[in-house]
Amino acid sequence: MSIAGGDKYDFVNGKYEKVIGSSNIASGAVQLFRKDCFSEINGYRELDNSGIDVVTESIARFKGLEIRTFRDIIFYR
């Protein structure tokens, strides 16, 4: 495992709702990295707009690194 994350819940209309996502995507808000992975992909890239997490995951996948969402880890935003 190189990048990991959890299930995300957003606060909508006064309650938390689960954001449906893939099991091989880690949302940028909670991306957790193995130290060697973060070094290999040279960390985050500076971008003018959003998408830093997508770029990071794309580079990791290109290098053959694994990304996973752990369903038993939940975070609220």
PDB file of N, CA and C in Angstrom:
ATOM      1  N   MET A   1       0.838  -1.173   0.000  1.00  0.00           N
ATOM      2  CA  MET A   1       0.000   0.000   0.000  1.00  0.00           C
ATOM      3  C   MET A   1       0.886   1.241   0.000  1.00  0.00           C
ATOM      4  N   SER A   2       0.618   2.132  -0.914  1.00  0.00           N
ATOM      5  CA  SER A   2       1.423   3.346  -1.015  1.00  0.00           C
ATOM      6  C   SER A   2       0.658   4.596  -0.603  1.00  0.00           C
ATOM      7  N   ILE A   3      -0.606   4.708  -1.053  1.00  0.00           N
ATOM      8  CA  ILE A   3      -1.473   5.807  -0.644  1.00  0.00           C
ATOM      9  C   ILE A   3      -2.770   5.190  -0.127  1.00  0.00           C
ATOM     10  N   ALA A   4      -3.239   5.661   1.021  1.00  0.00           N
ATOM     11  CA  ALA A   4      -4.457   5.122   1.621  1.00  0.00           C
ATOM     12  C   ALA A   4      -5.396   6.251   2.012  1.00  0.00           C
ATOM     13  N   GLY A   5      -6.664   5.909   2.151  1.00  0.00           N
ATOM     14  CA  GLY A   5      -7.680   6.860   2.580  1.00  0.00           C
ATOM     15  C   GLY A   5      -8.836   6.114   3.220  1.00  0.00           C
ATOM     16  N   GLY A   6      -9.926   6.839   3.470  1.00  0.00           N
ATOM     17  CA  GLY A   6     -11.103   6.245   4.086  1.00  0.00           C
ATOM     18  C   GLY A   6     -12.366   6.729   3.405  1.00  0.00           C
ATOM     19  N   ASP A   7     -13.511   6.257   3.890  1.00  0.00           N
ATOM     20  CA  ASP A   7     -14.796   6.705   3.362  1.00  0.00           C
ATOM     21  C   ASP A   7     -15.088   8.115   3.838  1.00  0.00           C
ATOM     22  N   LYS A   8     -15.644   8.918   2.942  1.00  0.00           N
ATOM     23  CA  LYS A   8     -15.876  10.334   3.215  1.00  0.00           C
ATOM     24  C   LYS A   8     -17.373  10.601   3.363  1.00  0.00           C
ATOM     25  N   TYR A   9     -17.718  11.419   4.367  1.00  0.00           N
ATOM     26  CA  TYR A   9     -19.084  11.868   4.579  1.00  0.00           C
ATOM     27  C   TYR A   9     -19.101  13.391   4.563  1.00  0.00           C
ATOM     28  N   ASP A  10     -19.988  13.966   3.752  1.00  0.00           N
ATOM     29  CA  ASP A  10     -20.140  15.418   3.675  1.00  0.00           C
ATOM     30  C   ASP A  10     -21.392  15.847   4.428  1.00  0.00           C
ATOM     31  N   PHE A  11     -21.342  17.036   5.023  1.00  0.00           N
ATOM     32  CA  PHE A  11     -22.491  17.587   5.746  1.00  0.00           C
ATOM     33  C   PHE A  11     -23.395  18.284   4.731  1.00  0.00           C
ATOM     34  N   VAL A  12     -24.590  17.715   4.507  1.00  0.00           N
ATOM     35  CA  VAL A  12     -25.529  18.226   3.506  1.00  0.00           C
ATOM     36  C   VAL A  12     -26.913  18.337   4.124  1.00  0.00           C
ATOM     37  N   ASN A  13     -27.490  19.523   4.039  1.00  0.00           N
ATOM     38  CA  ASN A  13     -28.858  19.747   4.543  1.00  0.00           C
ATOM     39  C   ASN A  13     -29.034  19.281   5.992  1.00  0.00           C
ATOM     40  N   GLY A  14     -28.065  19.585   6.827  1.00  0.00           N
ATOM     41  CA  GLY A  14     -28.178  19.287   8.250  1.00  0.00           C
ATOM     42  C   GLY A  14     -27.827  17.877   8.677  1.00  0.00           C
ATOM     43  N   LYS A  15     -27.322  17.053   7.761  1.00  0.00           N
ATOM     44  CA  LYS A  15     -26.925  15.690   8.141  1.00  0.00           C
ATOM     45  C   LYS A  15     -25.743  15.239   7.292  1.00  0.00           C
ATOM     46  N   TYR A  16     -25.057  14.211   7.774  1.00  0.00           N
ATOM     47  CA  TYR A  16     -23.922  13.670   7.036  1.00  0.00           C
ATOM     48  C   TYR A  16     -24.397  12.618   6.044  1.00  0.00           C
ATOM     49  N   GLU A  17     -23.903  12.734   4.814  1.00  0.00           N
ATOM     50  CA  GLU A  17     -24.223  11.777   3.767  1.00  0.00           C
ATOM     51  C   GLU A  17     -22.940  11.204   3.202  1.00  0.00           C
ATOM     52  N   LYS A  18     -22.939   9.900   2.995  1.00  0.00           N
ATOM     53  CA  LYS A  18     -21.753   9.236   2.458  1.00  0.00           C
ATOM     54  C   LYS A  18     -21.526   9.646   1.007  1.00  0.00           C
ATOM     55  N   VAL A  19     -20.292   9.966   0.689  1.00  0.00           N
ATOM     56  CA  VAL A  19     -19.901  10.274  -0.681  1.00  0.00           C
ATOM     57  C   VAL A  19     -19.444   8.963  -1.300  1.00  0.00           C
ATOM     58  N   ILE A  20     -20.162   8.538  -2.319  1.00  0.00           N
ATOM     59  CA  ILE A  20     -19.842   7.256  -2.956  1.00  0.00           C
ATOM     60  C   ILE A  20     -18.558   7.429  -3.761  1.00  0.00           C
ATOM     61  N   GLY A  21     -17.619   6.544  -3.522  1.00  0.00           N
ATOM     62  CA  GLY A  21     -16.338   6.619  -4.215  1.00  0.00           C
ATOM     63  C   GLY A  21     -15.783   5.242  -4.487  1.00  0.00           C
ATOM     64  N   SER A  22     -14.771   5.199  -5.284  1.00  0.00           N
ATOM     65  CA  SER A  22     -14.119   3.953  -5.650  1.00  0.00           C
ATOM     66  C   SER A  22     -13.233   3.449  -4.502  1.00  0.00           C
ATOM     67  N   SER A  23     -12.988   2.174  -4.495  1.00  0.00           N
ATOM     68  CA  SER A  23     -12.144   1.599  -3.450  1.00  0.00           C
ATOM     69  C   SER A  23     -10.654   1.792  -3.724  1.00  0.00           C
ATOM     70  N   ASN A  24     -10.325   2.360  -4.887  1.00  0.00           N
ATOM     71  CA  ASN A  24      -8.904   2.589  -5.194  1.00  0.00           C
ATOM     72  C   ASN A  24      -8.601   4.071  -5.415  1.00  0.00           C
ATOM     73  N   ILE A  25      -9.336   4.915  -4.685  1.00  0.00           N
ATOM     74  CA  ILE A  25      -9.101   6.365  -4.709  1.00  0.00           C
ATOM     75  C   ILE A  25      -9.044   6.856  -3.272  1.00  0.00           C
ATOM     76  N   ALA A  26      -8.072   7.674  -2.956  1.00  0.00           N
ATOM     77  CA  ALA A  26      -7.962   8.261  -1.624  1.00  0.00           C
ATOM     78  C   ALA A  26      -8.158   9.763  -1.751  1.00  0.00           C
ATOM     79  N   SER A  27      -9.228  10.269  -1.169  1.00  0.00           N
ATOM     80  CA  SER A  27      -9.528  11.693  -1.251  1.00  0.00           C
ATOM     81  C   SER A  27      -8.381  12.527  -0.692  1.00  0.00           C
ATOM     82  N   GLY A  28      -8.097  13.636  -1.355  1.00  0.00           N
ATOM     83  CA  GLY A  28      -6.985  14.496  -0.954  1.00  0.00           C
ATOM     84  C   GLY A  28      -7.057  14.977   0.471  1.00  0.00           C
ATOM     85  N   ALA A  29      -8.266  15.113   0.997  1.00  0.00           N
ATOM     86  CA  ALA A  29      -8.428  15.600   2.370  1.00  0.00           C
ATOM     87  C   ALA A  29      -7.801  14.651   3.390  1.00  0.00           C
ATOM     88  N   VAL A  30      -7.684  13.390   3.041  1.00  0.00           N
ATOM     89  CA  VAL A  30      -7.136  12.417   3.993  1.00  0.00           C
ATOM     90  C   VAL A  30      -6.162  11.440   3.345  1.00  0.00           C
ATOM     91  N   GLN A  31      -5.442  11.873   2.364  1.00  0.00           N
ATOM     92  CA  GLN A  31      -4.454  10.979   1.759  1.00  0.00           C
ATOM     93  C   GLN A  31      -3.344  10.699   2.768  1.00  0.00           C
ATOM     94  N   LEU A  32      -3.080   9.441   2.971  1.00  0.00           N
ATOM     95  CA  LEU A  32      -1.985   8.993   3.836  1.00  0.00           C
ATOM     96  C   LEU A  32      -0.965   8.292   2.950  1.00  0.00           C
ATOM     97  N   PHE A  33       0.301   8.650   3.113  1.00  0.00           N
ATOM     98  CA  PHE A  33       1.354   8.134   2.248  1.00  0.00           C
ATOM     99  C   PHE A  33       2.367   7.307   3.027  1.00  0.00           C
ATOM    100  N   ARG A  34       2.867   6.267   2.384  1.00  0.00           N
ATOM    101  CA  ARG A  34       4.091   5.649   2.873  1.00  0.00           C
ATOM    102  C   ARG A  34       5.199   6.649   2.567  1.00  0.00           C
ATOM    103  N   LYS A  35       6.150   6.754   3.443  1.00  0.00           N
ATOM    104  CA  LYS A  35       7.222   7.735   3.265  1.00  0.00           C
ATOM    105  C   LYS A  35       7.957   7.522   1.946  1.00  0.00           C
ATOM    106  N   ASP A  36       8.256   6.277   1.603  1.00  0.00           N
ATOM    107  CA  ASP A  36       8.980   6.017   0.363  1.00  0.00           C
ATOM    108  C   ASP A  36       8.152   6.369  -0.870  1.00  0.00           C
ATOM    109  N   CYS A  37       6.837   6.217  -0.794  1.00  0.00           N
ATOM    110  CA  CYS A  37       5.960   6.605  -1.904  1.00  0.00           C
ATOM    111  C   CYS A  37       5.990   8.112  -2.100  1.00  0.00           C
ATOM    112  N   PHE A  38       5.843   8.869  -1.015  1.00  0.00           N
ATOM    113  CA  PHE A  38       5.829  10.328  -1.108  1.00  0.00           C
ATOM    114  C   PHE A  38       7.140  10.833  -1.711  1.00  0.00           C
ATOM    115  N   SER A  39       8.241  10.204  -1.334  1.00  0.00           N
ATOM    116  CA  SER A  39       9.540  10.574  -1.899  1.00  0.00           C
ATOM    117  C   SER A  39       9.624  10.206  -3.378  1.00  0.00           C
ATOM    118  N   GLU A  40       9.140   9.016  -3.721  1.00  0.00           N
ATOM    119  CA  GLU A  40       9.230   8.545  -5.113  1.00  0.00           C
ATOM    120  C   GLU A  40       8.421   9.425  -6.069  1.00  0.00           C
ATOM    121  N   ILE A  41       7.272   9.934  -5.620  1.00  0.00           N
ATOM    122  CA  ILE A  41       6.450  10.773  -6.503  1.00  0.00           C
ATOM    123  C   ILE A  41       6.806  12.256  -6.349  1.00  0.00           C
ATOM    124  N   ASN A  42       7.806  12.547  -5.535  1.00  0.00           N
ATOM    125  CA  ASN A  42       8.269  13.918  -5.291  1.00  0.00           C
ATOM    126  C   ASN A  42       7.196  14.807  -4.677  1.00  0.00           C
ATOM    127  N   GLY A  43       6.369  14.229  -3.802  1.00  0.00           N
ATOM    128  CA  GLY A  43       5.378  15.001  -3.050  1.00  0.00           C
ATOM    129  C   GLY A  43       4.288  15.595  -3.917  1.00  0.00           C
ATOM    130  N   TYR A  44       3.615  16.578  -3.356  1.00  0.00           N
ATOM    131  CA  TYR A  44       2.546  17.266  -4.076  1.00  0.00           C
ATOM    132  C   TYR A  44       3.110  18.259  -5.076  1.00  0.00           C
ATOM    133  N   ARG A  45       2.392  18.472  -6.162  1.00  0.00           N
ATOM    134  CA  ARG A  45       2.759  19.475  -7.166  1.00  0.00           C
ATOM    135  C   ARG A  45       1.979  20.754  -6.882  1.00  0.00           C
ATOM    136  N   GLU A  46       2.579  21.886  -7.133  1.00  0.00           N
ATOM    137  CA  GLU A  46       1.872  23.147  -6.992  1.00  0.00           C
ATOM    138  C   GLU A  46       1.006  23.352  -8.237  1.00  0.00           C
ATOM    139  N   LEU A  47      -0.288  23.544  -8.037  1.00  0.00           N
ATOM    140  CA  LEU A  47      -1.224  23.721  -9.140  1.00  0.00           C
ATOM    141  C   LEU A  47      -1.974  25.034  -8.974  1.00  0.00           C
ATOM    142  N   ASP A  48      -2.376  25.622 -10.083  1.00  0.00           N
ATOM    143  CA  ASP A  48      -3.153  26.861 -10.034  1.00  0.00           C
ATOM    144  C   ASP A  48      -4.594  26.601  -9.598  1.00  0.00           C
ATOM    145  N   ASN A  49      -5.120  25.434  -9.915  1.00  0.00           N
ATOM    146  CA  ASN A  49      -6.506  25.084  -9.583  1.00  0.00           C
ATOM    147  C   ASN A  49      -6.523  23.835  -8.715  1.00  0.00           C
ATOM    148  N   SER A  50      -7.706  23.339  -8.433  1.00  0.00           N
ATOM    149  CA  SER A  50      -7.822  22.131  -7.616  1.00  0.00           C
ATOM    150  C   SER A  50      -7.359  20.908  -8.406  1.00  0.00           C
ATOM    151  N   GLY A  51      -7.303  19.766  -7.741  1.00  0.00           N
ATOM    152  CA  GLY A  51      -6.930  18.524  -8.398  1.00  0.00           C
ATOM    153  C   GLY A  51      -5.598  17.967  -7.965  1.00  0.00           C
ATOM    154  N   ILE A  52      -5.025  18.555  -6.922  1.00  0.00           N
ATOM    155  CA  ILE A  52      -3.703  18.112  -6.471  1.00  0.00           C
ATOM    156  C   ILE A  52      -3.720  16.624  -6.090  1.00  0.00           C
ATOM    157  N   ASP A  53      -4.833  16.150  -5.503  1.00  0.00           N
ATOM    158  CA  ASP A  53      -4.925  14.745  -5.120  1.00  0.00           C
ATOM    159  C   ASP A  53      -5.006  13.838  -6.338  1.00  0.00           C
ATOM    160  N   VAL A  54      -5.701  14.280  -7.373  1.00  0.00           N
ATOM    161  CA  VAL A  54      -5.822  13.490  -8.602  1.00  0.00           C
ATOM    162  C   VAL A  54      -4.467  13.365  -9.295  1.00  0.00           C
ATOM    163  N   VAL A  55      -3.741  14.460  -9.369  1.00  0.00           N
ATOM    164  CA  VAL A  55      -2.416  14.446  -9.986  1.00  0.00           C
ATOM    165  C   VAL A  55      -1.484  13.519  -9.207  1.00  0.00           C
ATOM    166  N   THR A  56      -1.520  13.624  -7.896  1.00  0.00           N
ATOM    167  CA  THR A  56      -0.673  12.788  -7.036  1.00  0.00           C
ATOM    168  C   THR A  56      -0.974  11.306  -7.251  1.00  0.00           C
ATOM    169  N   GLU A  57      -2.263  10.947  -7.268  1.00  0.00           N
ATOM    170  CA  GLU A  57      -2.636   9.549  -7.481  1.00  0.00           C
ATOM    171  C   GLU A  57      -2.247   9.079  -8.883  1.00  0.00           C
ATOM    172  N   SER A  58      -2.399   9.940  -9.877  1.00  0.00           N
ATOM    173  CA  SER A  58      -2.044   9.566 -11.250  1.00  0.00           C
ATOM    174  C   SER A  58      -0.557   9.248 -11.370  1.00  0.00           C
ATOM    175  N   ILE A  59       0.275  10.068 -10.754  1.00  0.00           N
ATOM    176  CA  ILE A  59       1.715   9.826 -10.782  1.00  0.00           C
ATOM    177  C   ILE A  59       2.046   8.516 -10.069  1.00  0.00           C
ATOM    178  N   ALA A  60       1.402   8.284  -8.932  1.00  0.00           N
ATOM    179  CA  ALA A  60       1.632   7.042  -8.181  1.00  0.00           C
ATOM    180  C   ALA A  60       1.233   5.823  -9.018  1.00  0.00           C
ATOM    181  N   ARG A  61       0.071   5.886  -9.665  1.00  0.00           N
ATOM    182  CA  ARG A  61      -0.372   4.766 -10.507  1.00  0.00           C
ATOM    183  C   ARG A  61       0.595   4.535 -11.667  1.00  0.00           C
ATOM    184  N   PHE A  62       1.051   5.611 -12.284  1.00  0.00           N
ATOM    185  CA  PHE A  62       2.004   5.509 -13.385  1.00  0.00           C
ATOM    186  C   PHE A  62       3.264   4.766 -12.934  1.00  0.00           C
ATOM    187  N   LYS A  63       3.642   4.954 -11.685  1.00  0.00           N
ATOM    188  CA  LYS A  63       4.833   4.299 -11.144  1.00  0.00           C
ATOM    189  C   LYS A  63       4.527   2.903 -10.595  1.00  0.00           C
ATOM    190  N   GLY A  64       3.275   2.450 -10.744  1.00  0.00           N
ATOM    191  CA  GLY A  64       2.896   1.107 -10.314  1.00  0.00           C
ATOM    192  C   GLY A  64       2.601   0.986  -8.831  1.00  0.00           C
ATOM    193  N   LEU A  65       2.338   2.102  -8.160  1.00  0.00           N
ATOM    194  CA  LEU A  65       2.060   2.085  -6.729  1.00  0.00           C
ATOM    195  C   LEU A  65       0.574   1.885  -6.471  1.00  0.00           C
ATOM    196  N   GLU A  66       0.231   1.272  -5.350  1.00  0.00           N
ATOM    197  CA  GLU A  66      -1.150   0.921  -5.029  1.00  0.00           C
ATOM    198  C   GLU A  66      -1.822   2.006  -4.196  1.00  0.00           C
ATOM    199  N   ILE A  67      -3.094   2.283  -4.522  1.00  0.00           N
ATOM    200  CA  ILE A  67      -3.912   3.255  -3.795  1.00  0.00           C
ATOM    201  C   ILE A  67      -5.172   2.529  -3.339  1.00  0.00           C
ATOM    202  N   ARG A  68      -5.578   2.773  -2.082  1.00  0.00           N
ATOM    203  CA  ARG A  68      -6.722   2.035  -1.561  1.00  0.00           C
ATOM    204  C   ARG A  68      -7.507   2.856  -0.550  1.00  0.00           C
ATOM    205  N   THR A  69      -8.830   2.686  -0.583  1.00  0.00           N
ATOM    206  CA  THR A  69      -9.719   3.244   0.434  1.00  0.00           C
ATOM    207  C   THR A  69     -10.066   2.129   1.412  1.00  0.00           C
ATOM    208  N   PHE A  70      -9.870   2.395   2.678  1.00  0.00           N
ATOM    209  CA  PHE A  70     -10.250   1.447   3.725  1.00  0.00           C
ATOM    210  C   PHE A  70     -11.643   1.831   4.209  1.00  0.00           C
ATOM    211  N   ARG A  71     -12.629   0.981   3.947  1.00  0.00           N
ATOM    212  CA  ARG A  71     -14.023   1.287   4.254  1.00  0.00           C
ATOM    213  C   ARG A  71     -14.310   1.409   5.751  1.00  0.00           C
ATOM    214  N   ASP A  72     -13.472   0.827   6.589  1.00  0.00           N
ATOM    215  CA  ASP A  72     -13.699   0.909   8.034  1.00  0.00           C
ATOM    216  C   ASP A  72     -13.118   2.175   8.659  1.00  0.00           C
ATOM    217  N   ILE A  73     -12.461   3.011   7.836  1.00  0.00           N
ATOM    218  CA  ILE A  73     -11.966   4.303   8.296  1.00  0.00           C
ATOM    219  C   ILE A  73     -12.901   5.359   7.713  1.00  0.00           C
ATOM    220  N   ILE A  74     -13.499   6.171   8.572  1.00  0.00           N
ATOM    221  CA  ILE A  74     -14.489   7.152   8.145  1.00  0.00           C
ATOM    222  C   ILE A  74     -14.042   8.530   8.544  1.00  0.00           C
ATOM    223  N   PHE A  75     -14.215   9.498   7.655  1.00  0.00           N
ATOM    224  CA  PHE A  75     -13.936  10.879   8.024  1.00  0.00           C
ATOM    225  C   PHE A  75     -15.083  11.774   7.571  1.00  0.00           C
ATOM    226  N   TYR A  76     -15.305  12.808   8.347  1.00  0.00           N
ATOM    227  CA  TYR A  76     -16.409  13.747   8.104  1.00  0.00           C
ATOM    228  C   TYR A  76     -15.819  15.099   7.742  1.00  0.00           C
ATOM    229  N   ARG A  77     -16.465  15.770   6.776  1.00  0.00           N
ATOM    230  CA  ARG A  77     -16.030  17.115   6.435  1.00  0.00           C
ATOM    231  C   ARG A  77     -17.201  18.020   6.200  1.00  0.00           C
TER     232      ARG A  77
END
